């Protein structure tokens, strides 16, 4: 017990109102990422001529920054969280457009901008901030019919999407539009609009295939791997998944992992399978599922419509990003540069996810006397939801 229930300090009130099992699960996921960094990063660093522990040290540094960001953000009340999201969104969208002209070009894309020698990807911070601010705009339009909240949220989404397509960054575009679509579903829409959105998504995918050569190349290679495209990385990733078996070859012992260029980043899940086995990967997926399910259940118990929408959207956004990364590792979709939250190497991504999860916990905080009444599930009961019925 860190604090007495009799204490009235801000930290004591935070401790007794925070969802401690959700917080513990997020910290555990971050710890898994640190462990996998020790196992997967050294071969990558050596292969490109860096110090063996280069990525491990930087990953640890990002964790040291991300954890306080998440904890401090979770201290905010609903109004403060909304204001923080607005400030971050405005700054990030401005930087998103600035990056198009002054950003660092990598493989033909301008997605990063340099500050004091550190590369920052503004689109990572746009995602959680956009989710919260759009949730507020949607809730306002649902409560007050004369407030054009949905129109404003759509305008913000379009300004972000245009900037992302100009970079180009199709993966982040999909997440932003997916976040907006989630809010539409949660706010209640007709089947006519649903089918219209499905058609628009298909049209956008076709447009991306026609106008972005790197997208068409990846899709062609995915559909026809024997057609001469570069499948080296995904082939090594699948080999790592298979060679680990149920229990893995041991930390740092996976042969295929040592050949995966992005074993510490986009393909850390495959590296984990090679070193620690399929069972460990299943536990990792269960942990991610627990975080999402617990957050979604907590969202339904919020009295504020804004809080319900914000928590649900942040949780689904977390699930979408995780799902895309896992699908790429399993070769279910074409390769896309999308990190596994709190697990993959990447400073901007980790800090942005920490900010988003901090916002999510800020909205799910409850009074101690309400904890029993809310019926929030424990870790065991949430895992039981995932177990097949006998």
Protein backbone atom coordinates (compact mmCIF):
# COMPACT_ATOMS: atom_id res chain seq x y z
CA UNK A 1 0.00 0.00 0.00
CA UNK A 2 1.60 3.25 -1.11
CA UNK A 3 -0.86 5.69 0.48
CA UNK A 4 -3.41 5.65 3.27
CA UNK A 5 -7.05 6.07 2.30
CA UNK A 6 -7.23 8.88 4.85
CA UNK A 7 -4.71 10.99 2.93
CA UNK A 8 -6.14 13.80 0.83
CA UNK A 9 -3.04 14.68 -1.17
CA UNK A 10 -3.26 14.68 -5.00
CA UNK A 11 -0.98 11.62 -5.22
CA UNK A 12 -3.03 9.69 -2.66
CA UNK A 13 -6.26 10.52 -4.46
CA UNK A 14 -4.64 9.47 -7.75
CA UNK A 15 -3.51 6.15 -6.26
CA UNK A 16 -6.96 5.24 -4.96
CA UNK A 17 -8.77 6.37 -8.11
CA UNK A 18 -6.46 5.00 -10.83
CA UNK A 19 -7.19 1.63 -12.45
CA UNK A 20 -4.17 -0.08 -10.94
CA UNK A 21 -4.54 -3.33 -12.88
CA UNK A 22 -4.64 -1.41 -16.17
CA UNK A 23 -1.60 0.59 -15.06
CA UNK A 24 0.19 -2.60 -14.07
CA UNK A 25 -0.58 -4.24 -17.43
CA UNK A 26 0.81 -1.24 -19.33
CA UNK A 27 3.99 -1.21 -17.24
CA UNK A 28 4.32 -4.98 -17.75
CA UNK A 29 4.00 -4.50 -21.52
CA UNK A 30 6.70 -1.83 -21.37
CA UNK A 31 8.89 -4.23 -19.39
CA UNK A 32 8.40 -6.92 -22.04
CA UNK A 33 9.58 -4.41 -24.63
CA UNK A 34 12.72 -3.75 -22.60
CA UNK A 35 13.45 -7.48 -22.27
CA UNK A 36 12.97 -8.00 -26.01
CA UNK A 37 15.24 -5.03 -26.71
CA UNK A 38 18.06 -6.82 -24.86
CA UNK A 39 17.45 -9.94 -26.97
CA UNK A 40 16.80 -8.42 -30.42
CA UNK A 41 18.73 -5.15 -30.61
CA UNK A 42 22.44 -6.13 -30.25
CA UNK A 43 22.63 -8.12 -33.55
CA UNK A 44 20.98 -5.25 -35.43
CA UNK A 45 23.39 -2.69 -33.94
CA UNK A 46 26.44 -4.80 -34.75
CA UNK A 47 25.25 -5.41 -38.31
CA UNK A 48 25.11 -1.67 -39.06
CA UNK A 49 28.38 -0.87 -37.30
CA UNK A 50 27.08 0.57 -34.02
CA UNK A 51 27.89 -0.30 -30.43
CA UNK A 52 26.30 -3.59 -29.38
CA UNK A 53 24.15 -1.90 -26.74
CA UNK A 54 23.28 1.23 -28.76
CA UNK A 55 19.58 0.43 -29.27
CA UNK A 56 19.22 -1.13 -25.81
CA UNK A 57 20.48 2.03 -24.09
CA UNK A 58 18.28 4.27 -26.21
CA UNK A 59 15.24 2.04 -25.65
CA UNK A 60 15.85 2.24 -21.90
CA UNK A 61 16.16 6.03 -22.17
CA UNK A 62 12.83 6.22 -24.01
CA UNK A 63 11.20 4.07 -21.29
CA UNK A 64 12.55 6.40 -18.61
CA UNK A 65 10.88 9.32 -20.42
CA UNK A 66 7.67 7.50 -21.40
CA UNK A 67 6.76 6.19 -17.95
CA UNK A 68 6.65 9.64 -16.26
CA UNK A 69 4.75 11.02 -19.27
CA UNK A 70 2.10 8.33 -18.81
CA UNK A 71 1.88 8.78 -15.04
CA UNK A 72 1.75 12.59 -15.12
CA UNK A 73 -0.88 12.56 -17.87
CA UNK A 74 -3.02 10.13 -15.84
CA UNK A 75 -3.14 12.75 -13.04
CA UNK A 76 -5.18 15.12 -15.22
CA UNK A 77 -8.90 15.64 -14.79
CA UNK A 78 -11.21 15.49 -17.81
CA UNK A 79 -10.97 19.18 -18.64
CA UNK A 80 -7.18 19.26 -18.26
CA UNK A 81 -6.86 16.14 -20.42
CA UNK A 82 -8.98 17.77 -23.14
CA UNK A 83 -6.87 20.94 -23.05
CA UNK A 84 -3.64 18.89 -23.17
CA UNK A 85 -4.94 16.98 -26.19
CA UNK A 86 -5.87 20.26 -27.93
CA UNK A 87 -2.42 21.78 -27.32
CA UNK A 88 -0.59 18.64 -28.49
CA UNK A 89 -2.84 18.34 -31.55
CA UNK A 90 -2.29 21.96 -32.65
CA UNK A 91 1.49 21.69 -32.22
CA UNK A 92 1.64 18.29 -33.93
CA UNK A 93 -0.47 19.31 -36.93
CA UNK A 94 1.67 22.42 -37.43
CA UNK A 95 4.83 20.30 -37.24
CA UNK A 96 3.23 17.79 -39.61
CA UNK A 97 2.99 20.46 -42.30
CA UNK A 98 6.41 21.93 -41.44
CA UNK A 99 7.92 18.46 -41.87
CA UNK A 100 6.84 18.46 -45.53
CA UNK A 101 9.28 21.32 -46.21
CA UNK A 102 12.00 20.96 -43.56
CA UNK A 103 11.77 17.32 -42.55
CA UNK A 104 14.35 14.57 -42.88
CA UNK A 105 13.89 12.54 -46.06
CA UNK A 106 14.26 8.79 -45.59
CA UNK A 107 13.57 6.41 -48.49
CA UNK A 108 11.65 9.11 -50.35
CA UNK A 109 9.37 10.06 -47.42
CA UNK A 110 9.47 13.10 -45.14
CA UNK A 111 8.03 11.94 -41.83
CA UNK A 112 10.60 13.13 -39.30
CA UNK A 113 11.84 16.52 -38.22
CA UNK A 114 15.01 17.11 -36.21
CA UNK A 115 15.12 18.90 -32.84
CA UNK A 116 18.46 19.25 -31.03
CA UNK A 117 19.82 16.27 -32.93
CA UNK A 118 16.79 14.07 -32.15
CA UNK A 119 14.34 12.95 -34.83
CA UNK A 120 10.65 13.42 -34.00
CA UNK A 121 7.69 12.02 -35.95
CA UNK A 122 4.79 14.46 -35.37
CA UNK A 123 2.16 12.05 -36.71
CA UNK A 124 2.67 9.79 -33.67
CA UNK A 125 1.42 12.52 -31.33
CA UNK A 126 -1.44 13.43 -33.66
CA UNK A 127 -3.09 10.03 -33.11
CA UNK A 128 -3.95 10.15 -29.37
CA UNK A 129 -4.58 13.90 -29.39
CA UNK A 130 -6.92 13.60 -32.38
CA UNK A 131 -8.78 10.71 -30.71
CA UNK A 132 -9.51 12.72 -27.55
CA UNK A 133 -10.35 16.03 -29.20
CA UNK A 134 -12.58 14.36 -31.79
CA UNK A 135 -14.32 12.39 -29.03
CA UNK A 136 -15.13 15.72 -27.33
CA UNK A 137 -16.39 17.26 -30.60
CA UNK A 138 -18.56 14.22 -31.35
CA UNK A 139 -19.96 14.17 -27.82
CA UNK A 140 -20.79 17.88 -28.01
CA UNK A 141 -22.61 17.41 -31.32
CA UNK A 142 -24.58 14.48 -29.85
CA UNK A 143 -25.61 16.45 -26.76
CA UNK A 144 -26.16 19.80 -28.48
CA UNK A 145 -27.58 19.30 -31.96
CA UNK A 146 -26.66 22.83 -33.02
CA UNK A 147 -22.92 22.23 -32.39
CA UNK A 148 -21.15 21.17 -35.65
CA UNK A 149 -18.76 18.88 -33.77
CA UNK A 150 -18.73 16.08 -36.33
CA UNK A 151 -18.04 18.55 -39.14
CA UNK A 152 -15.13 20.09 -37.20
CA UNK A 153 -13.69 16.67 -36.39
CA UNK A 154 -13.97 15.67 -40.05
CA UNK A 155 -12.22 18.90 -41.13
CA UNK A 156 -9.36 18.21 -38.71
CA UNK A 157 -9.13 14.63 -39.97
CA UNK A 158 -8.93 15.79 -43.60
CA UNK A 159 -6.20 18.35 -42.86
CA UNK A 160 -4.15 15.65 -41.13
CA UNK A 161 -4.78 13.06 -43.84
CA UNK A 162 -3.72 15.43 -46.64
CA UNK A 163 -0.43 16.15 -44.83
CA UNK A 164 0.16 12.43 -44.23
CA UNK A 165 -0.49 11.54 -47.87
CA UNK A 166 1.95 14.22 -49.00
CA UNK A 167 4.73 12.74 -46.84
CA UNK A 168 3.62 9.96 -47.82
CA UNK A 169 2.59 7.78 -44.84
CA UNK A 170 -0.22 5.38 -45.71
CA UNK A 171 -0.11 3.50 -42.40
CA UNK A 172 -0.68 6.55 -40.21
CA UNK A 173 -3.33 7.74 -42.67
CA UNK A 174 -5.18 4.46 -42.15
CA UNK A 175 -5.00 4.85 -38.35
CA UNK A 176 -6.26 8.44 -38.37
CA UNK A 177 -9.15 7.66 -40.73
CA UNK A 178 -9.83 4.50 -38.73
CA UNK A 179 -10.02 6.55 -35.52
CA UNK A 180 -12.49 8.93 -37.15
CA UNK A 181 -14.54 5.98 -38.45
CA UNK A 182 -14.62 4.42 -34.97
CA UNK A 183 -16.12 7.63 -33.57
CA UNK A 184 -18.72 7.63 -36.33
CA UNK A 185 -19.73 4.07 -35.40
CA UNK A 186 -19.81 4.83 -31.70
CA UNK A 187 -21.93 7.94 -32.25
CA UNK A 188 -24.49 5.96 -34.25
CA UNK A 189 -24.78 5.99 -38.04
CA UNK A 190 -27.02 4.35 -40.62
CA UNK A 191 -26.12 1.28 -42.68
CA UNK A 192 -26.20 3.48 -45.78
CA UNK A 193 -23.29 5.52 -44.42
CA UNK A 194 -21.47 2.34 -43.35
CA UNK A 195 -21.62 0.88 -46.86
CA UNK A 196 -20.64 4.27 -48.28
CA UNK A 197 -17.59 4.38 -46.02
CA UNK A 198 -16.64 0.85 -47.04
CA UNK A 199 -16.80 1.91 -50.68
CA UNK A 200 -14.75 5.03 -49.96
CA UNK A 201 -12.12 2.92 -48.16
CA UNK A 202 -11.89 0.64 -51.18
CA UNK A 203 -11.52 3.66 -53.46
CA UNK A 204 -8.77 5.10 -51.25
CA UNK A 205 -6.91 1.79 -51.27
CA UNK A 206 -7.15 1.65 -55.06
CA UNK A 207 -5.94 5.25 -55.28
CA UNK A 208 -2.99 4.51 -53.01
CA UNK A 209 -2.11 1.54 -55.22
CA UNK A 210 -2.29 3.66 -58.38
CA UNK A 211 -0.51 6.82 -57.20
CA UNK A 212 2.07 5.63 -54.66
CA UNK A 213 4.72 3.36 -56.25
CA UNK A 214 5.99 2.01 -52.90
CA UNK A 215 2.44 0.95 -51.99
CA UNK A 216 1.81 -0.82 -55.29
CA UNK A 217 5.21 -2.52 -55.04
CA UNK A 218 4.46 -3.84 -51.55
CA UNK A 219 1.00 -5.03 -52.51
CA UNK A 220 2.29 -6.72 -55.68
CA UNK A 221 5.06 -8.44 -53.72
CA UNK A 222 2.57 -9.54 -51.05
CA UNK A 223 0.16 -10.99 -53.63
CA UNK A 224 2.91 -12.52 -55.75
CA UNK A 225 5.99 -13.21 -53.59
CA UNK A 226 7.63 -15.16 -56.44
CA UNK A 227 7.34 -12.25 -58.83
CA UNK A 228 10.78 -10.80 -58.15
CA UNK A 229 9.91 -8.44 -55.29
CA UNK A 230 12.06 -8.08 -52.18
CA UNK A 231 10.66 -10.50 -49.58
CA UNK A 232 13.91 -10.95 -47.63
CA UNK A 233 12.73 -9.36 -44.38
CA UNK A 234 9.33 -11.04 -44.19
CA UNK A 235 10.89 -14.40 -45.16
CA UNK A 236 13.39 -14.11 -42.28
CA UNK A 237 10.58 -12.99 -39.95
CA UNK A 238 8.46 -16.04 -40.79
CA UNK A 239 11.52 -18.27 -40.39
CA UNK A 240 12.07 -16.79 -36.92
CA UNK A 241 8.42 -17.45 -36.04
CA UNK A 242 8.75 -21.08 -37.04
CA UNK A 243 12.19 -21.94 -35.67
CA UNK A 244 11.35 -20.87 -32.11
CA UNK A 245 8.73 -23.56 -31.62
CA UNK A 246 6.66 -23.43 -28.44
CA UNK A 247 9.44 -22.42 -26.06
CA UNK A 248 12.03 -20.64 -28.23
CA UNK A 249 15.75 -21.15 -28.74
CA UNK A 250 16.72 -18.91 -25.81
CA UNK A 251 17.46 -15.16 -25.48
CA UNK A 252 19.55 -13.95 -28.39
CA UNK A 253 19.82 -17.42 -29.96
CA UNK A 254 17.37 -17.14 -32.86
CA UNK A 255 19.27 -17.53 -36.12
CA UNK A 256 16.70 -15.90 -38.40
CA UNK A 257 16.30 -12.95 -36.01
CA UNK A 258 19.96 -12.07 -36.48
CA UNK A 259 19.24 -11.57 -40.18
CA UNK A 260 16.05 -9.46 -39.86
CA UNK A 261 16.98 -5.79 -40.55
CA UNK A 262 14.19 -4.43 -38.29
CA UNK A 263 14.22 -7.16 -35.63
CA UNK A 264 14.25 -4.51 -32.90
CA UNK A 265 11.45 -2.41 -34.39
CA UNK A 266 8.67 -3.48 -36.77
CA UNK A 267 9.53 -7.19 -36.52
CA UNK A 268 10.18 -7.48 -32.79
CA UNK A 269 7.25 -9.91 -32.48
CA UNK A 270 8.94 -12.33 -34.90
CA UNK A 271 12.21 -11.92 -33.01
CA UNK A 272 10.37 -12.70 -29.76
CA UNK A 273 8.98 -15.91 -31.26
CA UNK A 274 12.45 -17.08 -32.28
CA UNK A 275 13.99 -16.40 -28.88
CA UNK A 276 11.15 -17.09 -26.44
CA UNK A 277 8.69 -19.20 -28.43
CA UNK A 278 5.06 -19.11 -29.48
CA UNK A 279 3.80 -19.43 -25.89
CA UNK A 280 5.51 -16.18 -24.93
CA UNK A 281 4.01 -14.48 -27.99
CA UNK A 282 0.55 -15.74 -27.00
CA UNK A 283 1.02 -14.26 -23.52
CA UNK A 284 2.09 -10.97 -25.13
CA UNK A 285 -1.04 -10.92 -27.29
CA UNK A 286 -3.18 -11.80 -24.25
CA UNK A 287 -1.65 -8.88 -22.36
CA UNK A 288 -2.52 -6.49 -25.20
CA UNK A 289 -6.04 -7.95 -25.35
CA UNK A 290 -6.43 -7.52 -21.58
CA UNK A 291 -5.51 -3.82 -21.84
CA UNK A 292 -8.01 -3.25 -24.63
CA UNK A 293 -10.86 -5.25 -23.03
CA UNK A 294 -10.41 -3.69 -19.61
CA UNK A 295 -10.36 -0.19 -21.08
CA UNK A 296 -13.48 -0.87 -23.18
CA UNK A 297 -15.37 -2.23 -20.19
CA UNK A 298 -14.28 0.74 -18.08
CA UNK A 299 -15.46 3.09 -20.84
CA UNK A 300 -19.00 1.74 -20.60
CA UNK A 301 -19.13 2.66 -16.92
CA UNK A 302 -18.28 6.32 -17.40
CA UNK A 303 -21.11 8.76 -16.71
CA UNK A 304 -19.70 11.29 -19.17
CA UNK A 305 -20.40 10.68 -22.87
CA UNK A 306 -17.12 12.42 -23.69
CA UNK A 307 -15.17 10.07 -21.41
CA UNK A 308 -16.90 6.99 -22.87
CA UNK A 309 -16.05 8.02 -26.42
CA UNK A 310 -12.49 9.07 -25.56
CA UNK A 311 -11.58 5.86 -23.69
CA UNK A 312 -13.22 3.61 -26.30
CA UNK A 313 -11.47 5.39 -29.17
CA UNK A 314 -8.05 5.35 -27.50
CA UNK A 315 -8.44 1.65 -26.70
CA UNK A 316 -9.50 0.75 -30.24
CA UNK A 317 -6.69 2.89 -31.68
CA UNK A 318 -4.23 0.97 -29.47
CA UNK A 319 -5.76 -2.29 -30.71
CA UNK A 320 -5.62 -1.22 -34.37
CA UNK A 321 -1.94 -0.28 -34.17
CA UNK A 322 -1.09 -3.54 -32.40
CA UNK A 323 -3.18 -5.52 -34.90
CA UNK A 324 -1.47 -3.98 -37.92
CA UNK A 325 1.98 -4.76 -36.52
CA UNK A 326 1.05 -8.36 -35.66
CA UNK A 327 -0.61 -8.90 -39.05
CA UNK A 328 2.54 -7.72 -40.84
CA UNK A 329 4.70 -10.08 -38.75
CA UNK A 330 2.40 -12.97 -39.63
CA UNK A 331 2.41 -11.97 -43.32
CA UNK A 332 -1.36 -11.40 -43.32
CA UNK A 333 -1.07 -7.92 -44.85
CA UNK A 334 1.65 -6.13 -46.88
CA UNK A 335 4.58 -4.74 -44.85
CA UNK A 336 3.92 -1.41 -43.16
CA UNK A 337 6.13 0.58 -40.82
CA UNK A 338 3.95 0.33 -37.72
CA UNK A 339 5.40 -0.23 -34.25
CA UNK A 340 4.04 -2.61 -31.62
CA UNK A 341 3.06 -0.22 -28.79
CA UNK A 342 5.55 -0.15 -25.88
CA UNK A 343 7.42 -3.12 -27.36
CA UNK A 344 9.06 -1.96 -30.60
CA UNK A 345 12.05 0.38 -30.61
CA UNK A 346 11.11 3.97 -31.37
CA UNK A 347 11.29 7.04 -29.15
CA UNK A 348 8.53 9.17 -30.64
CA UNK A 349 6.16 6.21 -30.88
CA UNK A 350 6.76 5.09 -27.28
CA UNK A 351 6.32 8.56 -25.78
CA UNK A 352 3.22 9.23 -27.90
CA UNK A 353 1.66 5.90 -26.87
CA UNK A 354 2.49 6.73 -23.24
CA UNK A 355 0.69 10.05 -23.63
CA UNK A 356 -2.34 8.28 -25.13
CA UNK A 357 -2.46 5.62 -22.41
CA UNK A 358 -2.05 8.32 -19.77
CA UNK A 359 -5.09 10.09 -21.21
CA UNK A 360 -7.01 6.81 -21.22
CA UNK A 361 -6.25 6.21 -17.53
CA UNK A 362 -7.13 9.81 -16.68
CA UNK A 363 -10.61 9.25 -18.11
CA UNK A 364 -11.10 5.91 -16.35
CA UNK A 365 -10.16 7.08 -12.85
CA UNK A 366 -12.89 6.37 -10.30
CA UNK A 367 -13.52 7.22 -6.65
CA UNK A 368 -12.48 4.49 -4.21
CA UNK A 369 -16.03 4.03 -2.90
CA UNK A 370 -17.26 3.49 -6.47
CA UNK A 371 -14.71 0.79 -7.31
CA UNK A 372 -16.87 -2.09 -6.03
CA UNK A 373 -20.01 -0.68 -7.65
CA UNK A 374 -18.42 -0.36 -11.08
CA UNK A 375 -17.59 -4.03 -11.25
CA UNK A 376 -14.37 -3.54 -13.20
CA UNK A 377 -12.95 -6.96 -14.03
CA UNK A 378 -9.76 -8.26 -12.45
CA UNK A 379 -6.90 -9.60 -14.54
CA UNK A 380 -8.15 -13.17 -13.99
CA UNK A 381 -11.71 -12.38 -15.04
CA UNK A 382 -10.57 -10.49 -18.15
CA UNK A 383 -8.36 -13.41 -19.19
CA UNK A 384 -11.34 -15.71 -18.61
CA UNK A 385 -13.23 -13.74 -21.26
CA UNK A 386 -10.58 -14.80 -23.78
CA UNK A 387 -10.73 -18.48 -22.84
CA UNK A 388 -12.89 -20.76 -25.02
CA UNK A 389 -16.04 -22.13 -23.45
CA UNK A 390 -15.91 -25.78 -22.45
